[in-house]
């Protein structure tokens, strides 16, 4: 329906949801508060899952907020036209979501005590999830064949640019006290342990019962059945969930069902080239 992209400082953004004017405001004028908590990801890397976890932690495990308020109002994407306005109105402490690469993030953040939680996911799984998302999300261009989409992804021609640049940019902050990173795979392997670590980072002291409630209410099945979290209430002209569910599988390793051996080897070649000097090892690097 919209399908047109514009570029802001070399990065593709879809029209209507984003605008150069708002992106410029986010970067240069957005006033970050010291108690802001930013949920940052490259798209399709566990954004909605982390949003739910952070919402539940903020509510001390009580799921009422998650069950009664839409997730894009609880933690709006502040680079969107609507999300920017919502963030300005939300009371502290604010939860804010973002897919922005670090160079376009609010400059005000880097002199603040605000905290960023950055979730990273196996880029092959990101590719597959993004392909299905592009099929059902009207502002995105038709992805074409999977092979065509793979090439566009590797070149960073998709919205929000290159996965490699995004991860390298944000991970350059890994030694900062107000930056915490975790992988989608760690969340899956040990959700409870991951939540305890996130609570420690946020200085949030939850008892065992509250943590158990966070774990239970942040499960994939609970989110998938929660209309406040599964995007089923989003305007139909944005999403066609008959083509693909927004919350599709919530698993790791689904790329094996989609990439041919040749495509996987092509991906690995670019991955190794782009991350040659990168000094961080992710769970999928050991596979």
Protein backbone atom coordinates (compact mmCIF):
# COMPACT_ATOMS: atom_id res chain seq x y z
CA UNK A 1 0.00 0.00 0.00
CA UNK A 2 2.80 2.44 0.94
CA UNK A 3 5.88 0.57 -0.27
CA UNK A 4 8.09 3.64 -0.73
CA UNK A 5 11.29 3.99 1.27
CA UNK A 6 13.23 7.14 1.95
CA UNK A 7 16.82 7.37 3.14
CA UNK A 8 17.91 9.15 6.28
CA UNK A 9 21.71 9.36 6.49
CA UNK A 10 22.05 6.36 4.19
CA UNK A 11 19.53 4.10 5.99
CA UNK A 12 16.22 2.97 4.45
CA UNK A 13 12.97 3.76 6.26
CA UNK A 14 9.38 3.07 5.06
CA UNK A 15 7.13 6.06 4.48
CA UNK A 16 4.15 6.99 6.68
CA UNK A 17 5.40 5.26 9.83
CA UNK A 18 8.66 7.20 9.73
CA UNK A 19 9.58 10.66 8.52
CA UNK A 20 12.90 12.50 8.09
CA UNK A 21 11.58 15.28 10.33
CA UNK A 22 10.86 12.94 13.26
CA UNK A 23 14.13 11.05 12.81
CA UNK A 24 15.97 14.34 12.96
CA UNK A 25 14.05 15.29 16.13
CA UNK A 26 14.85 11.93 17.71
CA UNK A 27 18.53 12.27 16.98
CA UNK A 28 19.01 15.92 17.93
CA UNK A 29 16.16 17.08 20.16
CA UNK A 30 14.77 14.12 22.11
CA UNK A 31 15.30 14.73 25.82
CA UNK A 32 16.43 11.48 27.40
CA UNK A 33 15.64 11.10 31.10
CA UNK A 34 18.07 9.39 33.44
CA UNK A 35 15.47 6.78 34.41
CA UNK A 36 14.56 5.89 30.79
CA UNK A 37 15.01 2.24 29.82
CA UNK A 38 15.56 1.61 26.11
CA UNK A 39 14.68 -1.74 24.54
CA UNK A 40 16.94 -1.74 21.48
CA UNK A 41 17.20 -4.39 18.76
CA UNK A 42 17.79 -4.89 15.12
CA UNK A 43 14.33 -5.75 13.80
CA UNK A 44 13.03 -9.31 14.32
CA UNK A 45 15.50 -10.01 17.12
CA UNK A 46 13.18 -10.37 20.10
CA UNK A 47 11.94 -6.80 20.48
CA UNK A 48 8.40 -7.69 21.52
CA UNK A 49 9.62 -10.44 23.84
CA UNK A 50 12.00 -8.08 25.65
CA UNK A 51 9.28 -5.42 25.73
CA UNK A 52 7.05 -7.89 27.58
CA UNK A 53 9.82 -8.89 29.98
CA UNK A 54 10.60 -5.26 30.81
CA UNK A 55 6.91 -4.43 31.23
CA UNK A 56 6.51 -7.30 33.69
CA UNK A 57 9.67 -6.41 35.60
CA UNK A 58 8.48 -2.82 35.91
CA UNK A 59 5.15 -4.12 37.27
CA UNK A 60 6.91 -6.42 39.77
CA UNK A 61 5.54 -9.46 37.99
CA UNK A 62 1.92 -8.29 37.96
CA UNK A 63 0.60 -9.02 34.42
CA UNK A 64 -2.27 -6.49 34.60
CA UNK A 65 -0.42 -3.75 32.69
CA UNK A 66 0.51 -6.21 29.94
CA UNK A 67 -3.06 -7.46 29.73
CA UNK A 68 -4.73 -4.05 29.57
CA UNK A 69 -2.37 -1.70 27.69
CA UNK A 70 -1.10 -2.22 24.13
CA UNK A 71 2.59 -2.99 23.97
CA UNK A 72 3.29 -0.15 21.52
CA UNK A 73 1.86 2.23 24.13
CA UNK A 74 3.76 0.67 27.02
CA UNK A 75 7.11 0.94 25.20
CA UNK A 76 6.61 2.94 22.00
CA UNK A 77 9.12 2.87 19.15
CA UNK A 78 10.28 6.45 19.57
CA UNK A 79 11.61 6.84 16.03
CA UNK A 80 8.12 6.37 14.55
CA UNK A 81 5.86 9.36 13.96
CA UNK A 82 3.22 8.09 16.41
CA UNK A 83 5.71 6.62 18.88
CA UNK A 84 7.64 9.87 19.18
CA UNK A 85 4.53 11.74 20.31
CA UNK A 86 3.62 8.94 22.72
CA UNK A 87 7.07 8.97 24.32
CA UNK A 88 6.82 12.68 25.00
CA UNK A 89 3.56 12.10 26.88
CA UNK A 90 4.53 8.97 28.84
CA UNK A 91 5.40 9.45 32.48
CA UNK A 92 8.66 8.37 34.05
CA UNK A 93 10.09 5.84 34.31
CA UNK A 94 9.61 5.33 30.57
CA UNK A 95 10.10 2.16 28.59
CA UNK A 96 11.13 3.01 25.01
CA UNK A 97 11.69 0.63 22.10
CA UNK A 98 13.94 1.30 19.12
CA UNK A 99 15.44 -0.32 16.03
CA UNK A 100 17.72 2.63 15.30
CA UNK A 101 21.41 2.06 14.59
CA UNK A 102 23.60 3.68 17.23
CA UNK A 103 24.67 6.60 15.01
CA UNK A 104 21.06 7.76 14.65
CA UNK A 105 20.13 7.31 18.31
CA UNK A 106 19.25 10.27 20.52
CA UNK A 107 22.52 12.14 21.10
CA UNK A 108 21.23 13.10 24.51
CA UNK A 109 21.45 9.46 25.60
CA UNK A 110 25.24 9.35 25.55
CA UNK A 111 25.50 11.92 28.35
CA UNK A 112 22.75 10.39 30.46
CA UNK A 113 22.30 7.61 33.01
CA UNK A 114 19.50 6.07 30.94
CA UNK A 115 19.92 2.36 30.27
CA UNK A 116 19.92 0.35 27.06
CA UNK A 117 19.14 -3.34 26.85
CA UNK A 118 20.30 -4.62 23.48
CA UNK A 119 19.06 -8.01 22.26
CA UNK A 120 20.95 -9.78 19.47
CA UNK A 121 19.74 -12.80 17.48
CA UNK A 122 21.31 -15.22 15.01
CA UNK A 123 21.17 -13.18 11.78
CA UNK A 124 20.09 -16.20 9.74
CA UNK A 125 16.98 -16.45 11.92
CA UNK A 126 16.56 -12.67 11.66
CA UNK A 127 16.64 -13.02 7.87
CA UNK A 128 13.92 -15.69 7.83
CA UNK A 129 11.69 -13.84 10.31
CA UNK A 130 12.13 -10.58 8.41
CA UNK A 131 11.24 -12.24 5.13
CA UNK A 132 7.89 -13.42 6.52
CA UNK A 133 7.35 -10.06 8.17
CA UNK A 134 7.90 -8.26 4.85
CA UNK A 135 5.21 -10.46 3.30
CA UNK A 136 2.56 -9.35 5.79
CA UNK A 137 3.65 -5.82 6.80
CA UNK A 138 2.23 -3.44 4.21
CA UNK A 139 4.73 -0.56 4.62
CA UNK A 140 7.56 -2.89 3.55
CA UNK A 141 8.30 -3.62 -0.08
CA UNK A 142 7.45 -7.05 -1.42
CA UNK A 143 10.48 -9.19 -0.50
CA UNK A 144 10.54 -11.03 -3.85
CA UNK A 145 12.06 -14.48 -3.83
CA UNK A 146 13.87 -15.66 -0.73
CA UNK A 147 17.15 -15.61 -2.68
CA UNK A 148 16.58 -12.00 -3.74
CA UNK A 149 15.74 -11.01 -0.17
CA UNK A 150 18.86 -12.76 1.12
CA UNK A 151 21.05 -10.64 -1.17
CA UNK A 152 19.27 -7.43 -0.16
CA UNK A 153 19.66 -8.33 3.53
CA UNK A 154 23.38 -9.04 3.17
CA UNK A 155 23.86 -5.68 1.42
CA UNK A 156 21.91 -3.79 4.10
CA UNK A 157 19.24 -2.66 1.63
CA UNK A 158 16.38 -3.47 4.03
CA UNK A 159 14.85 -0.98 6.51
CA UNK A 160 17.25 -0.03 9.32
CA UNK A 161 20.23 -0.96 7.18
CA UNK A 162 22.86 -3.62 7.69
CA UNK A 163 22.53 -6.14 10.52
CA UNK A 164 26.33 -6.23 10.69
CA UNK A 165 26.68 -2.46 11.06
CA UNK A 166 23.84 -2.33 13.60
CA UNK A 167 25.38 -4.99 15.83
CA UNK A 168 28.93 -3.68 15.56
CA UNK A 169 27.75 -0.16 16.28
CA UNK A 170 25.78 -0.99 19.40
CA UNK A 171 28.26 -3.54 20.71
CA UNK A 172 30.92 -0.84 20.75
CA UNK A 173 29.16 0.27 23.97
CA UNK A 174 29.55 -3.14 25.62
CA UNK A 175 31.84 -1.82 28.38
CA UNK A 176 29.55 1.04 29.40
CA UNK A 177 27.79 0.69 32.76
CA UNK A 178 24.42 1.65 31.32
CA UNK A 179 24.55 -0.87 28.46
CA UNK A 180 23.46 -4.50 28.75
CA UNK A 181 23.36 -7.02 25.95
CA UNK A 182 21.81 -10.43 25.75
CA UNK A 183 21.03 -12.84 22.94
CA UNK A 184 17.67 -14.20 21.88
CA UNK A 185 19.19 -17.65 22.24
CA UNK A 186 20.14 -17.03 25.89
CA UNK A 187 16.57 -15.96 26.61
CA UNK A 188 15.35 -19.22 25.13
CA UNK A 189 17.89 -21.40 26.88
CA UNK A 190 17.43 -19.90 30.35
CA UNK A 191 14.60 -17.37 30.55
CA UNK A 192 14.53 -17.25 34.34
CA UNK A 193 18.28 -16.77 34.66
CA UNK A 194 18.17 -14.10 31.97
CA UNK A 195 15.40 -12.24 33.79
CA UNK A 196 17.42 -12.31 37.02
CA UNK A 197 20.39 -10.80 35.16
CA UNK A 198 18.19 -8.09 33.63
CA UNK A 199 16.75 -7.27 37.07
CA UNK A 200 20.28 -6.93 38.45
CA UNK A 201 21.21 -4.55 35.64
CA UNK A 202 18.10 -2.46 36.26
CA UNK A 203 18.57 -2.47 40.03
CA UNK A 204 15.17 -4.13 40.41
CA UNK A 205 14.88 -6.50 43.40
CA UNK A 206 12.08 -8.98 42.70
CA UNK A 207 11.29 -11.93 44.95
CA UNK A 208 11.04 -15.47 43.61
CA UNK A 209 7.27 -15.34 43.15
CA UNK A 210 7.51 -12.12 41.11
CA UNK A 211 10.25 -13.57 38.92
CA UNK A 212 8.19 -16.72 38.40
CA UNK A 213 5.32 -14.52 37.25
CA UNK A 214 7.56 -12.65 34.81
CA UNK A 215 8.72 -15.98 33.37
CA UNK A 216 5.18 -17.36 33.03
CA UNK A 217 3.70 -14.22 31.49
CA UNK A 218 6.59 -13.63 29.10
CA UNK A 219 6.30 -17.08 27.53
CA UNK A 220 5.74 -17.20 23.78
CA UNK A 221 2.35 -18.87 24.16
CA UNK A 222 1.14 -16.28 26.69
CA UNK A 223 2.21 -13.42 24.43
CA UNK A 224 0.72 -15.07 21.35
CA UNK A 225 -2.65 -15.27 23.12
CA UNK A 226 -2.52 -11.74 24.55
CA UNK A 227 -4.22 -9.21 22.27
CA UNK A 228 -2.24 -6.44 23.94
CA UNK A 229 0.99 -8.08 22.79
CA UNK A 230 0.35 -10.04 19.57
CA UNK A 231 -0.44 -7.04 17.31
CA UNK A 232 -3.82 -8.51 16.39
CA UNK A 233 -5.33 -5.10 17.25
CA UNK A 234 -3.04 -3.17 14.91
CA UNK A 235 -4.81 -1.50 11.96
CA UNK A 236 -5.49 -3.98 9.16
CA UNK A 237 -3.98 -1.67 6.58
CA UNK A 238 -0.64 -2.18 8.37
CA UNK A 239 -0.57 -5.94 8.72
CA UNK A 240 -2.14 -8.94 7.02
CA UNK A 241 -1.77 -11.66 9.63
CA UNK A 242 -3.52 -14.10 7.31
CA UNK A 243 -0.30 -14.17 5.29
CA UNK A 244 1.90 -14.68 8.33
CA UNK A 245 1.35 -14.29 12.06
CA UNK A 246 3.26 -11.44 13.69
CA UNK A 247 4.37 -13.81 16.43
CA UNK A 248 5.17 -16.71 14.14
CA UNK A 249 7.25 -19.44 15.79
CA UNK A 250 9.46 -17.93 18.49
CA UNK A 251 12.21 -20.52 18.01
CA UNK A 252 15.89 -20.62 17.17
CA UNK A 253 17.36 -22.43 14.19
CA UNK A 254 14.36 -22.10 11.86
CA UNK A 255 16.80 -20.86 9.20
CA UNK A 256 17.74 -24.50 8.60
CA UNK A 257 14.26 -25.03 7.16
CA UNK A 258 14.71 -22.19 4.67
CA UNK A 259 18.32 -21.69 3.58
CA UNK A 260 19.87 -24.07 1.08
CA UNK A 261 23.42 -25.24 1.70
CA UNK A 262 24.60 -22.78 -0.94
CA UNK A 263 22.68 -19.88 0.62
CA UNK A 264 23.99 -20.75 4.09
CA UNK A 265 27.57 -20.85 2.82
CA UNK A 266 27.08 -17.51 1.07
CA UNK A 267 25.77 -16.04 4.32
CA UNK A 268 28.67 -17.50 6.31
CA UNK A 269 31.18 -16.00 3.89
CA UNK A 270 29.78 -12.47 4.27
CA UNK A 271 29.37 -12.94 8.03
CA UNK A 272 33.02 -13.87 8.44
CA UNK A 273 34.17 -11.00 6.23
CA UNK A 274 32.07 -8.39 8.02
CA UNK A 275 32.89 -9.57 11.55
CA UNK A 276 36.52 -10.51 10.97
CA UNK A 277 37.85 -8.04 13.57
CA UNK A 278 34.91 -8.40 15.95
CA UNK A 279 36.05 -9.63 19.38
CA UNK A 280 32.71 -10.99 20.64
CA UNK A 281 31.55 -14.57 20.23
CA UNK A 282 27.82 -15.24 20.02
CA UNK A 283 26.10 -18.58 20.79
CA UNK A 284 25.57 -19.34 17.09
CA UNK A 285 29.29 -18.88 16.35
CA UNK A 286 29.93 -22.17 18.16
CA UNK A 287 27.55 -24.18 15.97
